[in-house]
């Protein structure tokens, strides 16, 4: 989505944060905004995922609003 000019935030868990640096750089997007999540998220249950979404939603929206428009 970022390469198509859409505001994007990558969600990356603690365990994979350093790999996120590598992947973003390899994709030519080292400055892609990312948000760090606790690990694990998958399989943590609907209630936990809902609570996490409630916690980070405002932060993600603020980040997306600040992503520069493509050149």
N, C-alpha and C. Protein backbone atom coordinates (compact mmCIF):
# COMPACT_ATOMS: atom_id res chain seq x y z
N UNK A 1 0.83 -1.19 0.00
CA UNK A 1 0.00 0.00 0.00
C UNK A 1 0.87 1.26 0.00
N UNK A 2 1.95 1.24 0.75
CA UNK A 2 2.83 2.41 0.81
C UNK A 2 3.40 2.72 -0.57
N UNK A 3 3.78 1.69 -1.31
CA UNK A 3 4.34 1.91 -2.64
C UNK A 3 3.29 2.43 -3.62
N UNK A 4 2.02 2.28 -3.29
CA UNK A 4 0.94 2.80 -4.13
C UNK A 4 0.50 4.19 -3.67
N UNK A 5 1.24 4.76 -2.72
CA UNK A 5 0.95 6.11 -2.26
C UNK A 5 -0.10 6.22 -1.19
N UNK A 6 -0.46 5.10 -0.58
CA UNK A 6 -1.46 5.12 0.49
C UNK A 6 -0.76 5.25 1.84
N UNK A 7 -1.26 6.10 2.73
CA UNK A 7 -0.68 6.16 4.07
C UNK A 7 -0.69 4.77 4.71
N UNK A 8 0.43 4.38 5.25
CA UNK A 8 0.60 3.01 5.75
C UNK A 8 1.37 3.02 7.06
N UNK A 9 0.97 2.14 7.96
CA UNK A 9 1.72 1.88 9.19
C UNK A 9 1.86 0.37 9.30
N UNK A 10 3.08 -0.10 9.43
CA UNK A 10 3.31 -1.53 9.62
C UNK A 10 3.16 -1.86 11.10
N UNK A 11 2.47 -2.93 11.39
CA UNK A 11 2.31 -3.41 12.76
C UNK A 11 3.28 -4.57 12.94
N UNK A 12 4.21 -4.40 13.88
CA UNK A 12 5.28 -5.38 14.07
C UNK A 12 5.38 -5.71 15.55
N UNK A 13 5.42 -7.00 15.87
CA UNK A 13 5.55 -7.38 17.28
C UNK A 13 6.99 -7.23 17.75
N UNK A 14 7.14 -7.15 19.07
CA UNK A 14 8.46 -7.00 19.69
C UNK A 14 9.47 -8.01 19.15
N UNK A 15 9.04 -9.24 19.05
CA UNK A 15 9.96 -10.31 18.66
C UNK A 15 10.52 -10.11 17.24
N UNK A 16 9.78 -9.42 16.39
CA UNK A 16 10.19 -9.27 14.99
C UNK A 16 10.60 -7.85 14.63
N UNK A 17 10.83 -7.00 15.64
CA UNK A 17 11.13 -5.60 15.38
C UNK A 17 12.40 -5.43 14.54
N UNK A 18 13.47 -6.12 14.86
CA UNK A 18 14.71 -5.97 14.09
C UNK A 18 14.54 -6.51 12.67
N UNK A 19 13.77 -7.57 12.50
CA UNK A 19 13.50 -8.08 11.16
C UNK A 19 12.69 -7.05 10.37
N UNK A 20 11.84 -6.30 11.05
CA UNK A 20 11.08 -5.24 10.39
C UNK A 20 11.99 -4.18 9.79
N UNK A 21 13.08 -3.86 10.50
CA UNK A 21 14.07 -2.93 9.95
C UNK A 21 14.62 -3.47 8.64
N UNK A 22 14.99 -4.74 8.64
CA UNK A 22 15.57 -5.36 7.45
C UNK A 22 14.57 -5.38 6.30
N UNK A 23 13.36 -5.81 6.56
CA UNK A 23 12.35 -5.93 5.50
C UNK A 23 12.03 -4.55 4.92
N UNK A 24 11.86 -3.55 5.77
CA UNK A 24 11.55 -2.21 5.28
C UNK A 24 12.69 -1.68 4.40
N UNK A 25 13.92 -1.89 4.84
CA UNK A 25 15.06 -1.45 4.06
C UNK A 25 15.18 -2.19 2.74
N UNK A 26 14.98 -3.50 2.79
CA UNK A 26 15.07 -4.32 1.58
C UNK A 26 13.98 -3.95 0.58
N UNK A 27 12.85 -3.48 1.06
CA UNK A 27 11.75 -3.08 0.19
C UNK A 27 11.91 -1.64 -0.30
N UNK A 28 13.01 -0.99 0.11
CA UNK A 28 13.24 0.39 -0.30
C UNK A 28 12.43 1.40 0.47
N UNK A 29 11.94 1.01 1.65
CA UNK A 29 11.12 1.90 2.48
C UNK A 29 11.63 1.94 3.92
N UNK A 30 12.89 2.33 4.11
CA UNK A 30 13.44 2.29 5.48
C UNK A 30 12.73 3.21 6.46
N UNK A 31 12.03 4.20 5.96
CA UNK A 31 11.35 5.15 6.85
C UNK A 31 9.86 4.86 7.01
N UNK A 32 9.42 3.69 6.56
CA UNK A 32 8.03 3.31 6.70
C UNK A 32 7.64 3.36 8.18
N UNK A 33 6.57 4.08 8.51
CA UNK A 33 6.15 4.13 9.91
C UNK A 33 5.77 2.73 10.41
N UNK A 34 6.19 2.44 11.63
CA UNK A 34 5.86 1.15 12.24
C UNK A 34 5.35 1.39 13.65
N UNK A 35 4.53 0.47 14.09
CA UNK A 35 4.02 0.51 15.47
C UNK A 35 4.36 -0.83 16.12
N UNK A 36 4.98 -0.75 17.29
CA UNK A 36 5.41 -1.96 18.01
C UNK A 36 4.26 -2.53 18.84
N UNK A 37 4.02 -3.83 18.64
CA UNK A 37 2.99 -4.55 19.37
C UNK A 37 3.63 -5.59 20.29
N UNK A 38 2.95 -5.95 21.36
CA UNK A 38 3.46 -7.04 22.19
C UNK A 38 3.38 -8.35 21.42
N UNK A 39 4.26 -9.26 21.77
CA UNK A 39 4.27 -10.58 21.10
C UNK A 39 3.85 -11.63 22.11
N UNK A 40 3.01 -12.55 21.74
CA UNK A 40 2.35 -12.70 20.44
C UNK A 40 1.01 -11.98 20.41
N UNK A 41 0.55 -11.68 19.21
CA UNK A 41 -0.78 -11.13 19.03
C UNK A 41 -1.70 -12.23 18.49
N UNK A 42 -1.23 -12.89 17.44
CA UNK A 42 -2.03 -13.96 16.84
C UNK A 42 -2.28 -15.06 17.87
N UNK A 43 -3.49 -15.51 17.91
CA UNK A 43 -3.84 -16.58 18.82
C UNK A 43 -4.02 -16.15 20.26
N UNK A 44 -4.02 -14.84 20.51
CA UNK A 44 -4.13 -14.36 21.89
C UNK A 44 -5.59 -14.20 22.33
N UNK A 45 -6.50 -14.48 21.42
CA UNK A 45 -7.92 -14.42 21.77
C UNK A 45 -8.58 -13.13 21.31
N UNK A 46 -9.85 -13.25 21.02
CA UNK A 46 -10.63 -12.13 20.52
C UNK A 46 -10.65 -10.96 21.50
N UNK A 47 -10.84 -11.23 22.77
CA UNK A 47 -10.91 -10.15 23.75
C UNK A 47 -9.59 -9.41 23.85
N UNK A 48 -8.48 -10.14 23.85
CA UNK A 48 -7.16 -9.51 23.92
C UNK A 48 -6.90 -8.67 22.68
N UNK A 49 -7.23 -9.20 21.52
CA UNK A 49 -7.00 -8.46 20.28
C UNK A 49 -7.87 -7.21 20.23
N UNK A 50 -9.09 -7.31 20.71
CA UNK A 50 -9.99 -6.16 20.75
C UNK A 50 -9.45 -5.08 21.70
N UNK A 51 -8.97 -5.50 22.85
CA UNK A 51 -8.40 -4.55 23.82
C UNK A 51 -7.16 -3.88 23.24
N UNK A 52 -6.32 -4.65 22.56
CA UNK A 52 -5.12 -4.08 21.94
C UNK A 52 -5.52 -3.07 20.87
N UNK A 53 -6.50 -3.40 20.04
CA UNK A 53 -6.96 -2.47 19.01
C UNK A 53 -7.47 -1.18 19.63
N UNK A 54 -8.23 -1.30 20.70
CA UNK A 54 -8.73 -0.10 21.39
C UNK A 54 -7.58 0.75 21.91
N UNK A 55 -6.51 0.11 22.36
CA UNK A 55 -5.37 0.82 22.93
C UNK A 55 -4.57 1.57 21.87
N UNK A 56 -4.43 1.00 20.68
CA UNK A 56 -3.54 1.59 19.69
C UNK A 56 -4.25 2.36 18.58
N UNK A 57 -5.55 2.27 18.48
CA UNK A 57 -6.28 2.89 17.35
C UNK A 57 -5.97 4.37 17.20
N UNK A 58 -6.03 5.14 18.26
CA UNK A 58 -5.79 6.58 18.16
C UNK A 58 -4.35 6.87 17.72
N UNK A 59 -3.40 6.08 18.22
CA UNK A 59 -1.99 6.26 17.83
C UNK A 59 -1.80 5.98 16.34
N UNK A 60 -2.45 4.93 15.85
CA UNK A 60 -2.33 4.58 14.44
C UNK A 60 -2.94 5.67 13.55
N UNK A 61 -4.09 6.18 13.94
CA UNK A 61 -4.73 7.24 13.17
C UNK A 61 -3.84 8.47 13.14
N UNK A 62 -3.26 8.82 14.26
CA UNK A 62 -2.37 10.00 14.31
C UNK A 62 -1.16 9.79 13.41
N UNK A 63 -0.59 8.60 13.44
CA UNK A 63 0.55 8.31 12.58
C UNK A 63 0.16 8.41 11.11
N UNK A 64 -0.97 7.82 10.76
CA UNK A 64 -1.42 7.87 9.36
C UNK A 64 -1.67 9.29 8.88
N UNK A 65 -2.15 10.14 9.76
CA UNK A 65 -2.39 11.53 9.39
C UNK A 65 -1.09 12.28 9.13
N UNK A 66 0.01 11.80 9.71
CA UNK A 66 1.30 12.47 9.57
C UNK A 66 2.20 11.86 8.50
N UNK A 67 1.72 10.83 7.81
CA UNK A 67 2.54 10.23 6.74
C UNK A 67 2.56 11.21 5.59
N UNK A 68 3.77 11.58 5.12
CA UNK A 68 3.84 12.54 4.02
C UNK A 68 3.23 11.99 2.74
N UNK A 69 2.65 12.87 1.96
CA UNK A 69 2.09 12.48 0.67
C UNK A 69 3.22 12.09 -0.26
N UNK A 70 2.98 11.13 -1.16
CA UNK A 70 4.04 10.73 -2.09
C UNK A 70 4.44 11.88 -3.01
N UNK A 71 5.68 11.85 -3.43
CA UNK A 71 6.21 12.92 -4.31
C UNK A 71 5.72 12.73 -5.73
